[in-house]
Amino acid sequence: MGTMSTGIPEQPALLRVTEVARIIGFGRTKTYLLVRSGELLSIEIDGNIRIPRRSLEEWLNNKINAAARGRTQAATRSVAEPLAIGQKGRAER
């Protein structure tokens, strides 16, 4: 069984909640909360909750992209803030 670059096993296509929890480093309860809230897409088969591997990959990619956007915005703010403060100081003089 191979693994993808994300470390998620390529097979099986459907993962148990406990498997997903181990992969993302969350507890079982937190993972169930993600499933119940709909943040992490899941399906139910005969009363068993399964997370499609592709859904997990998409969720992880969304989290990674959001974090990258947040860092970019934070870096932009940290560069712009000193300018704004400096400009305010000059206007008060």
PDB file of N, CA and C in Angstrom:
ATOM      1  N   MET A   1       0.846  -1.170   0.000  1.00  0.00           N
ATOM      2  CA  MET A   1       0.000   0.000   0.000  1.00  0.00           C
ATOM      3  C   MET A   1       0.894   1.236   0.000  1.00  0.00           C
ATOM      4  N   GLY A   2       0.745   2.085  -1.010  1.00  0.00           N
ATOM      5  CA  GLY A   2       1.534   3.308  -1.102  1.00  0.00           C
ATOM      6  C   GLY A   2       0.898   4.433  -0.315  1.00  0.00           C
ATOM      7  N   THR A   3       1.633   5.529  -0.198  1.00  0.00           N
ATOM      8  CA  THR A   3       1.066   6.703   0.459  1.00  0.00           C
ATOM      9  C   THR A   3       1.227   7.898  -0.453  1.00  0.00           C
ATOM     10  N   MET A   4       0.336   8.838  -0.307  1.00  0.00           N
ATOM     11  CA  MET A   4       0.416  10.075  -1.071  1.00  0.00           C
ATOM     12  C   MET A   4       1.367  11.014  -0.356  1.00  0.00           C
ATOM     13  N   SER A   5       1.665  12.141  -0.978  1.00  0.00           N
ATOM     14  CA  SER A   5       2.586  13.094  -0.365  1.00  0.00           C
ATOM     15  C   SER A   5       2.042  13.649   0.948  1.00  0.00           C
ATOM     16  N   THR A   6       0.726  13.588   1.155  1.00  0.00           N
ATOM     17  CA  THR A   6       0.124  14.078   2.391  1.00  0.00           C
ATOM     18  C   THR A   6       0.255  13.072   3.520  1.00  0.00           C
ATOM     19  N   GLY A   7       0.703  11.871   3.216  1.00  0.00           N
ATOM     20  CA  GLY A   7       0.816  10.829   4.230  1.00  0.00           C
ATOM     21  C   GLY A   7      -0.470  10.034   4.389  1.00  0.00           C
ATOM     22  N   ILE A   8      -1.478  10.358   3.600  1.00  0.00           N
ATOM     23  CA  ILE A   8      -2.742   9.634   3.652  1.00  0.00           C
ATOM     24  C   ILE A   8      -2.608   8.384   2.781  1.00  0.00           C
ATOM     25  N   PRO A   9      -2.905   7.217   3.328  1.00  0.00           N
ATOM     26  CA  PRO A   9      -2.812   6.010   2.518  1.00  0.00           C
ATOM     27  C   PRO A   9      -3.690   6.115   1.272  1.00  0.00           C
ATOM     28  N   GLU A  10      -3.195   5.620   0.137  1.00  0.00           N
ATOM     29  CA  GLU A  10      -3.961   5.673  -1.104  1.00  0.00           C
ATOM     30  C   GLU A  10      -5.173   4.752  -1.040  1.00  0.00           C
ATOM     31  N   GLN A  11      -5.096   3.696  -0.284  1.00  0.00           N
ATOM     32  CA  GLN A  11      -6.201   2.767  -0.127  1.00  0.00           C
ATOM     33  C   GLN A  11      -6.402   2.547   1.356  1.00  0.00           C
ATOM     34  N   PRO A  12      -7.526   2.344   1.874  1.00  0.00           N
ATOM     35  CA  PRO A  12      -8.813   2.250   1.215  1.00  0.00           C
ATOM     36  C   PRO A  12      -9.372   3.624   0.868  1.00  0.00           C
ATOM     37  N   ALA A  13     -10.398   3.620   0.041  1.00  0.00           N
ATOM     38  CA  ALA A  13     -11.018   4.867  -0.384  1.00  0.00           C
ATOM     39  C   ALA A  13     -11.823   5.510   0.737  1.00  0.00           C
ATOM     40  N   LEU A  14     -12.318   4.689   1.664  1.00  0.00           N
ATOM     41  CA  LEU A  14     -13.096   5.184   2.795  1.00  0.00           C
ATOM     42  C   LEU A  14     -12.330   4.924   4.089  1.00  0.00           C
ATOM     43  N   LEU A  15     -12.256   5.929   4.933  1.00  0.00           N
ATOM     44  CA  LEU A  15     -11.511   5.818   6.187  1.00  0.00           C
ATOM     45  C   LEU A  15     -12.446   5.887   7.385  1.00  0.00           C
ATOM     46  N   ARG A  16     -12.104   5.156   8.440  1.00  0.00           N
ATOM     47  CA  ARG A  16     -12.845   5.238   9.705  1.00  0.00           C
ATOM     48  C   ARG A  16     -12.485   6.549  10.394  1.00  0.00           C
ATOM     49  N   VAL A  17     -13.354   6.990  11.273  1.00  0.00           N
ATOM     50  CA  VAL A  17     -13.106   8.217  12.029  1.00  0.00           C
ATOM     51  C   VAL A  17     -11.808   8.092  12.824  1.00  0.00           C
ATOM     52  N   THR A  18     -11.570   6.945  13.421  1.00  0.00           N
ATOM     53  CA  THR A  18     -10.340   6.760  14.195  1.00  0.00           C
ATOM     54  C   THR A  18      -9.096   6.838  13.315  1.00  0.00           C
ATOM     55  N   GLU A  19      -9.198   6.360  12.080  1.00  0.00           N
ATOM     56  CA  GLU A  19      -8.066   6.448  11.150  1.00  0.00           C
ATOM     57  C   GLU A  19      -7.791   7.902  10.778  1.00  0.00           C
ATOM     58  N   VAL A  20      -8.864   8.647  10.517  1.00  0.00           N
ATOM     59  CA  VAL A  20      -8.721  10.067  10.178  1.00  0.00           C
ATOM     60  C   VAL A  20      -8.133  10.824  11.362  1.00  0.00           C
ATOM     61  N   ALA A  21      -8.620  10.519  12.551  1.00  0.00           N
ATOM     62  CA  ALA A  21      -8.093  11.181  13.753  1.00  0.00           C
ATOM     63  C   ALA A  21      -6.592  10.958  13.874  1.00  0.00           C
ATOM     64  N   ARG A  22      -6.134   9.750  13.626  1.00  0.00           N
ATOM     65  CA  ARG A  22      -4.704   9.439  13.701  1.00  0.00           C
ATOM     66  C   ARG A  22      -3.929  10.203  12.628  1.00  0.00           C
ATOM     67  N   ILE A  23      -4.473  10.261  11.420  1.00  0.00           N
ATOM     68  CA  ILE A  23      -3.798  10.932  10.306  1.00  0.00           C
ATOM     69  C   ILE A  23      -3.636  12.422  10.574  1.00  0.00           C
ATOM     70  N   ILE A  24      -4.700  13.076  11.083  1.00  0.00           N
ATOM     71  CA  ILE A  24      -4.636  14.529  11.281  1.00  0.00           C
ATOM     72  C   ILE A  24      -4.147  14.917  12.670  1.00  0.00           C
ATOM     73  N   GLY A  25      -3.945  13.926  13.525  1.00  0.00           N
ATOM     74  CA  GLY A  25      -3.404  14.217  14.853  1.00  0.00           C
ATOM     75  C   GLY A  25      -4.417  14.796  15.827  1.00  0.00           C
ATOM     76  N   PHE A  26      -5.688  14.540  15.580  1.00  0.00           N
ATOM     77  CA  PHE A  26      -6.753  14.984  16.479  1.00  0.00           C
ATOM     78  C   PHE A  26      -7.248  13.787  17.276  1.00  0.00           C
ATOM     79  N   GLY A  27      -7.959  14.069  18.340  1.00  0.00           N
ATOM     80  CA  GLY A  27      -8.614  13.012  19.086  1.00  0.00           C
ATOM     81  C   GLY A  27      -9.859  12.540  18.356  1.00  0.00           C
ATOM     82  N   ARG A  28     -10.340  11.399  18.766  1.00  0.00           N
ATOM     83  CA  ARG A  28     -11.540  10.829  18.142  1.00  0.00           C
ATOM     84  C   ARG A  28     -12.740  11.749  18.305  1.00  0.00           C
ATOM     85  N   THR A  29     -12.900  12.323  19.505  1.00  0.00           N
ATOM     86  CA  THR A  29     -14.051  13.195  19.768  1.00  0.00           C
ATOM     87  C   THR A  29     -14.020  14.424  18.875  1.00  0.00           C
ATOM     88  N   LYS A  30     -12.874  15.066  18.743  1.00  0.00           N
ATOM     89  CA  LYS A  30     -12.747  16.251  17.888  1.00  0.00           C
ATOM     90  C   LYS A  30     -13.039  15.892  16.437  1.00  0.00           C
ATOM     91  N   THR A  31     -12.585  14.738  16.012  1.00  0.00           N
ATOM     92  CA  THR A  31     -12.831  14.305  14.629  1.00  0.00           C
ATOM     93  C   THR A  31     -14.314  14.062  14.405  1.00  0.00           C
ATOM     94  N   TYR A  32     -14.985  13.445  15.378  1.00  0.00           N
ATOM     95  CA  TYR A  32     -16.435  13.260  15.260  1.00  0.00           C
ATOM     96  C   TYR A  32     -17.148  14.617  15.201  1.00  0.00           C
ATOM     97  N   LEU A  33     -16.673  15.604  15.959  1.00  0.00           N
ATOM     98  CA  LEU A  33     -17.268  16.941  15.902  1.00  0.00           C
ATOM     99  C   LEU A  33     -17.130  17.553  14.505  1.00  0.00           C
ATOM    100  N   LEU A  34     -15.980  17.367  13.876  1.00  0.00           N
ATOM    101  CA  LEU A  34     -15.780  17.863  12.508  1.00  0.00           C
ATOM    102  C   LEU A  34     -16.751  17.192  11.539  1.00  0.00           C
ATOM    103  N   VAL A  35     -16.974  15.903  11.743  1.00  0.00           N
ATOM    104  CA  VAL A  35     -17.903  15.157  10.892  1.00  0.00           C
ATOM    105  C   VAL A  35     -19.330  15.630  11.126  1.00  0.00           C
ATOM    106  N   ARG A  36     -19.729  15.716  12.390  1.00  0.00           N
ATOM    107  CA  ARG A  36     -21.116  16.093  12.715  1.00  0.00           C
ATOM    108  C   ARG A  36     -21.440  17.514  12.283  1.00  0.00           C
ATOM    109  N   SER A  37     -20.446  18.402  12.333  1.00  0.00           N
ATOM    110  CA  SER A  37     -20.674  19.794  11.925  1.00  0.00           C
ATOM    111  C   SER A  37     -20.749  19.934  10.407  1.00  0.00           C
ATOM    112  N   GLY A  38     -20.310  18.906   9.695  1.00  0.00           N
ATOM    113  CA  GLY A  38     -20.304  18.955   8.242  1.00  0.00           C
ATOM    114  C   GLY A  38     -19.021  19.552   7.672  1.00  0.00           C
ATOM    115  N   GLU A  39     -18.123  19.981   8.557  1.00  0.00           N
ATOM    116  CA  GLU A  39     -16.861  20.545   8.074  1.00  0.00           C
ATOM    117  C   GLU A  39     -16.042  19.488   7.347  1.00  0.00           C
ATOM    118  N   LEU A  40     -16.096  18.270   7.828  1.00  0.00           N
ATOM    119  CA  LEU A  40     -15.408  17.152   7.190  1.00  0.00           C
ATOM    120  C   LEU A  40     -16.485  16.237   6.615  1.00  0.00           C
ATOM    121  N   LEU A  41     -16.535  16.153   5.299  1.00  0.00           N
ATOM    122  CA  LEU A  41     -17.568  15.386   4.613  1.00  0.00           C
ATOM    123  C   LEU A  41     -17.449  13.901   4.942  1.00  0.00           C
ATOM    124  N   SER A  42     -18.585  13.301   5.242  1.00  0.00           N
ATOM    125  CA  SER A  42     -18.587  11.872   5.562  1.00  0.00           C
ATOM    126  C   SER A  42     -19.819  11.227   4.948  1.00  0.00           C
ATOM    127  N   ILE A  43     -19.801   9.918   4.936  1.00  0.00           N
ATOM    128  CA  ILE A  43     -20.974   9.155   4.513  1.00  0.00           C
ATOM    129  C   ILE A  43     -21.252   8.115   5.588  1.00  0.00           C
ATOM    130  N   GLU A  44     -22.486   7.668   5.612  1.00  0.00           N
ATOM    131  CA  GLU A  44     -22.858   6.630   6.567  1.00  0.00           C
ATOM    132  C   GLU A  44     -23.327   5.407   5.795  1.00  0.00           C
ATOM    133  N   ILE A  45     -22.736   4.269   6.117  1.00  0.00           N
ATOM    134  CA  ILE A  45     -23.090   3.008   5.469  1.00  0.00           C
ATOM    135  C   ILE A  45     -23.443   2.020   6.568  1.00  0.00           C
ATOM    136  N   ASP A  46     -24.701   1.596   6.582  1.00  0.00           N
ATOM    137  CA  ASP A  46     -25.182   0.647   7.593  1.00  0.00           C
ATOM    138  C   ASP A  46     -24.820   1.088   9.006  1.00  0.00           C
ATOM    139  N   GLY A  47     -24.965   2.381   9.285  1.00  0.00           N
ATOM    140  CA  GLY A  47     -24.704   2.895  10.622  1.00  0.00           C
ATOM    141  C   GLY A  47     -23.237   3.185  10.912  1.00  0.00           C
ATOM    142  N   ASN A  48     -22.369   2.945   9.951  1.00  0.00           N
ATOM    143  CA  ASN A  48     -20.940   3.196  10.124  1.00  0.00           C
ATOM    144  C   ASN A  48     -20.541   4.473   9.393  1.00  0.00           C
ATOM    145  N   ILE A  49     -19.894   5.382  10.098  1.00  0.00           N
ATOM    146  CA  ILE A  49     -19.443   6.632   9.497  1.00  0.00           C
ATOM    147  C   ILE A  49     -18.098   6.400   8.831  1.00  0.00           C
ATOM    148  N   ARG A  50     -18.010   6.835   7.580  1.00  0.00           N
ATOM    149  CA  ARG A  50     -16.758   6.742   6.835  1.00  0.00           C
ATOM    150  C   ARG A  50     -16.480   8.091   6.179  1.00  0.00           C
ATOM    151  N   ILE A  51     -15.200   8.423   6.100  1.00  0.00           N
ATOM    152  CA  ILE A  51     -14.768   9.658   5.460  1.00  0.00           C
ATOM    153  C   ILE A  51     -14.049   9.268   4.169  1.00  0.00           C
ATOM    154  N   PRO A  52     -14.582   9.716   3.042  1.00  0.00           N
ATOM    155  CA  PRO A  52     -13.879   9.435   1.787  1.00  0.00           C
ATOM    156  C   PRO A  52     -12.484  10.066   1.821  1.00  0.00           C
ATOM    157  N   ARG A  53     -11.500   9.320   1.379  1.00  0.00           N
ATOM    158  CA  ARG A  53     -10.116   9.790   1.380  1.00  0.00           C
ATOM    159  C   ARG A  53      -9.998  11.122   0.629  1.00  0.00           C
ATOM    160  N   ARG A  54     -10.697  11.253  -0.486  1.00  0.00           N
ATOM    161  CA  ARG A  54     -10.651  12.500  -1.256  1.00  0.00           C
ATOM    162  C   ARG A  54     -11.214  13.671  -0.462  1.00  0.00           C
ATOM    163  N   SER A  55     -12.241  13.429   0.343  1.00  0.00           N
ATOM    164  CA  SER A  55     -12.800  14.493   1.185  1.00  0.00           C
ATOM    165  C   SER A  55     -11.779  14.953   2.214  1.00  0.00           C
ATOM    166  N   LEU A  56     -11.062  13.997   2.791  1.00  0.00           N
ATOM    167  CA  LEU A  56     -10.018  14.339   3.754  1.00  0.00           C
ATOM    168  C   LEU A  56      -8.916  15.150   3.086  1.00  0.00           C
ATOM    169  N   GLU A  57      -8.514  14.732   1.888  1.00  0.00           N
ATOM    170  CA  GLU A  57      -7.481  15.468   1.149  1.00  0.00           C
ATOM    171  C   GLU A  57      -7.926  16.897   0.870  1.00  0.00           C
ATOM    172  N   GLU A  58      -9.181  17.071   0.429  1.00  0.00           N
ATOM    173  CA  GLU A  58      -9.706  18.408   0.143  1.00  0.00           C
ATOM    174  C   GLU A  58      -9.753  19.252   1.417  1.00  0.00           C
ATOM    175  N   TRP A  59     -10.190  18.656   2.513  1.00  0.00           N
ATOM    176  CA  TRP A  59     -10.263  19.380   3.785  1.00  0.00           C
ATOM    177  C   TRP A  59      -8.876  19.847   4.207  1.00  0.00           C
ATOM    178  N   LEU A  60      -7.898  18.953   4.098  1.00  0.00           N
ATOM    179  CA  LEU A  60      -6.525  19.315   4.454  1.00  0.00           C
ATOM    180  C   LEU A  60      -5.990  20.418   3.545  1.00  0.00           C
ATOM    181  N   ASN A  61      -6.227  20.296   2.243  1.00  0.00           N
ATOM    182  CA  ASN A  61      -5.768  21.324   1.310  1.00  0.00           C
ATOM    183  C   ASN A  61      -6.410  22.671   1.603  1.00  0.00           C
ATOM    184  N   ASN A  62      -7.706  22.674   1.939  1.00  0.00           N
ATOM    185  CA  ASN A  62      -8.384  23.923   2.305  1.00  0.00           C
ATOM    186  C   ASN A  62      -7.761  24.538   3.552  1.00  0.00           C
ATOM    187  N   LYS A  63      -7.447  23.709   4.534  1.00  0.00           N
ATOM    188  CA  LYS A  63      -6.822  24.204   5.763  1.00  0.00           C
ATOM    189  C   LYS A  63      -5.430  24.771   5.480  1.00  0.00           C
ATOM    190  N   ILE A  64      -4.671  24.079   4.649  1.00  0.00           N
ATOM    191  CA  ILE A  64      -3.324  24.542   4.293  1.00  0.00           C
ATOM    192  C   ILE A  64      -3.403  25.867   3.542  1.00  0.00           C
ATOM    193  N   ASN A  65      -4.318  25.954   2.569  1.00  0.00           N
ATOM    194  CA  ASN A  65      -4.466  27.194   1.800  1.00  0.00           C
ATOM    195  C   ASN A  65      -4.924  28.348   2.675  1.00  0.00           C
ATOM    196  N   ALA A  66      -5.845  28.094   3.593  1.00  0.00           N
ATOM    197  CA  ALA A  66      -6.316  29.149   4.504  1.00  0.00           C
ATOM    198  C   ALA A  66      -5.184  29.626   5.402  1.00  0.00           C
ATOM    199  N   ALA A  67      -4.363  28.700   5.868  1.00  0.00           N
ATOM    200  CA  ALA A  67      -3.234  29.085   6.714  1.00  0.00           C
ATOM    201  C   ALA A  67      -2.231  29.914   5.927  1.00  0.00           C
ATOM    202  N   ALA A  68      -1.992  29.527   4.683  1.00  0.00           N
ATOM    203  CA  ALA A  68      -1.058  30.282   3.844  1.00  0.00           C
ATOM    204  C   ALA A  68      -1.592  31.684   3.577  1.00  0.00           C
ATOM    205  N   ARG A  69      -2.895  31.795   3.299  1.00  0.00           N
ATOM    206  CA  ARG A  69      -3.501  33.117   3.085  1.00  0.00           C
ATOM    207  C   ARG A  69      -3.407  33.954   4.346  1.00  0.00           C
ATOM    208  N   GLY A  70      -3.623  33.328   5.497  1.00  0.00           N
ATOM    209  CA  GLY A  70      -3.541  34.045   6.767  1.00  0.00           C
ATOM    210  C   GLY A  70      -2.155  34.568   7.028  1.00  0.00           C
ATOM    211  N   ARG A  71      -1.140  33.779   6.720  1.00  0.00           N
ATOM    212  CA  ARG A  71       0.249  34.230   6.907  1.00  0.00           C
ATOM    213  C   ARG A  71       0.577  35.371   5.961  1.00  0.00           C
ATOM    214  N   THR A  72       0.076  35.280   4.725  1.00  0.00           N
ATOM    215  CA  THR A  72       0.329  36.343   3.751  1.00  0.00           C
ATOM    216  C   THR A  72      -0.331  37.634   4.209  1.00  0.00           C
ATOM    217  N   GLN A  73      -1.566  37.548   4.678  1.00  0.00           N
ATOM    218  CA  GLN A  73      -2.273  38.737   5.160  1.00  0.00           C
ATOM    219  C   GLN A  73      -1.600  39.301   6.396  1.00  0.00           C
ATOM    220  N   ALA A  74      -1.152  38.436   7.290  1.00  0.00           N
ATOM    221  CA  ALA A  74      -0.478  38.899   8.499  1.00  0.00           C
ATOM    222  C   ALA A  74       0.834  39.588   8.145  1.00  0.00           C
ATOM    223  N   ALA A  75       1.564  39.040   7.174  1.00  0.00           N
ATOM    224  CA  ALA A  75       2.828  39.648   6.754  1.00  0.00           C
ATOM    225  C   ALA A  75       2.563  41.000   6.117  1.00  0.00           C
ATOM    226  N   THR A  76       1.515  41.106   5.338  1.00  0.00           N
ATOM    227  CA  THR A  76       1.161  42.372   4.701  1.00  0.00           C
ATOM    228  C   THR A  76       0.787  43.399   5.757  1.00  0.00           C
ATOM    229  N   ARG A  77       0.016  42.976   6.758  1.00  0.00           N
ATOM    230  CA  ARG A  77      -0.375  43.898   7.827  1.00  0.00           C
ATOM    231  C   ARG A  77       0.849  44.350   8.617  1.00  0.00           C
ATOM    232  N   SER A  78       1.749  43.422   8.913  1.00  0.00           N
ATOM    233  CA  SER A  78       2.899  43.789   9.733  1.00  0.00           C
ATOM    234  C   SER A  78       3.817  44.751   8.998  1.00  0.00           C
ATOM    235  N   VAL A  79       3.871  44.669   7.686  1.00  0.00           N
ATOM    236  CA  VAL A  79       4.673  45.608   6.905  1.00  0.00           C
ATOM    237  C   VAL A  79       3.944  46.944   6.795  1.00  0.00           C
ATOM    238  N   ALA A  80       2.644  46.912   6.608  1.00  0.00           N
ATOM    239  CA  ALA A  80       1.871  48.136   6.397  1.00  0.00           C
ATOM    240  C   ALA A  80       1.642  48.909   7.693  1.00  0.00           C
ATOM    241  N   GLU A  81       1.540  48.236   8.812  1.00  0.00           N
ATOM    242  CA  GLU A  81       1.234  48.923  10.063  1.00  0.00           C
ATOM    243  C   GLU A  81       2.271  49.977  10.444  1.00  0.00           C
ATOM    244  N   PRO A  82       3.565  49.706  10.363  1.00  0.00           N
ATOM    245  CA  PRO A  82       4.523  50.752  10.712  1.00  0.00           C
ATOM    246  C   PRO A  82       4.384  51.983   9.817  1.00  0.00           C
ATOM    247  N   LEU A  83       4.036  51.764   8.541  1.00  0.00           N
ATOM    248  CA  LEU A  83       3.839  52.889   7.636  1.00  0.00           C
ATOM    249  C   LEU A  83       2.646  53.720   8.073  1.00  0.00           C
ATOM    250  N   ALA A  84       1.578  53.057   8.437  1.00  0.00           N
ATOM    251  CA  ALA A  84       0.372  53.768   8.863  1.00  0.00           C
ATOM    252  C   ALA A  84       0.665  54.560  10.153  1.00  0.00           C
ATOM    253  N   ILE A  85       1.391  53.972  11.062  1.00  0.00           N
ATOM    254  CA  ILE A  85       1.715  54.653  12.304  1.00  0.00           C
ATOM    255  C   ILE A  85       2.625  55.838  12.016  1.00  0.00           C
ATOM    256  N   GLY A  86       3.616  55.642  11.159  1.00  0.00           N
ATOM    257  CA  GLY A  86       4.518  56.731  10.795  1.00  0.00           C
ATOM    258  C   GLY A  86       3.788  57.868  10.114  1.00  0.00           C
ATOM    259  N   GLN A  87       2.842  57.554   9.254  1.00  0.00           N
ATOM    260  CA  GLN A  87       2.086  58.590   8.553  1.00  0.00           C
ATOM    261  C   GLN A  87       1.202  59.354   9.534  1.00  0.00           C
ATOM    262  N   LYS A  88       0.632  58.672  10.476  1.00  0.00           N
ATOM    263  CA  LYS A  88      -0.209  59.339  11.460  1.00  0.00           C
ATOM    264  C   LYS A  88       0.629  60.307  12.292  1.00  0.00           C
ATOM    265  N   GLY A  89       1.820  59.866  12.675  1.00  0.00           N
ATOM    266  CA  GLY A  89       2.700  60.693  13.466  1.00  0.00           C
ATOM    267  C   GLY A  89       3.085  61.962  12.721  1.00  0.00           C
ATOM    268  N   ARG A  90       3.330  61.882  11.415  1.00  0.00           N
ATOM    269  CA  ARG A  90       3.680  63.055  10.635  1.00  0.00           C
ATOM    270  C   ARG A  90       2.504  64.003  10.512  1.00  0.00           C
ATOM    271  N   ALA A  91       1.299  63.471  10.395  1.00  0.00           N
ATOM    272  CA  ALA A  91       0.117  64.324  10.230  1.00  0.00           C
ATOM    273  C   ALA A  91      -0.177  65.094  11.513  1.00  0.00           C
ATOM    274  N   GLU A  92       0.180  64.533  12.647  1.00  0.00           N
ATOM    275  CA  GLU A  92      -0.082  65.213  13.922  1.00  0.00           C
ATOM    276  C   GLU A  92       0.880  66.377  14.143  1.00  0.00           C
ATOM    277  N   ARG A  93       2.030  66.387  13.469  1.00  0.00           N
ATOM    278  CA  ARG A  93       3.040  67.427  13.712  1.00  0.00           C
ATOM    279  C   ARG A  93       2.626  68.754  13.179  1.00  0.00           C
TER     280      ARG A  93
END
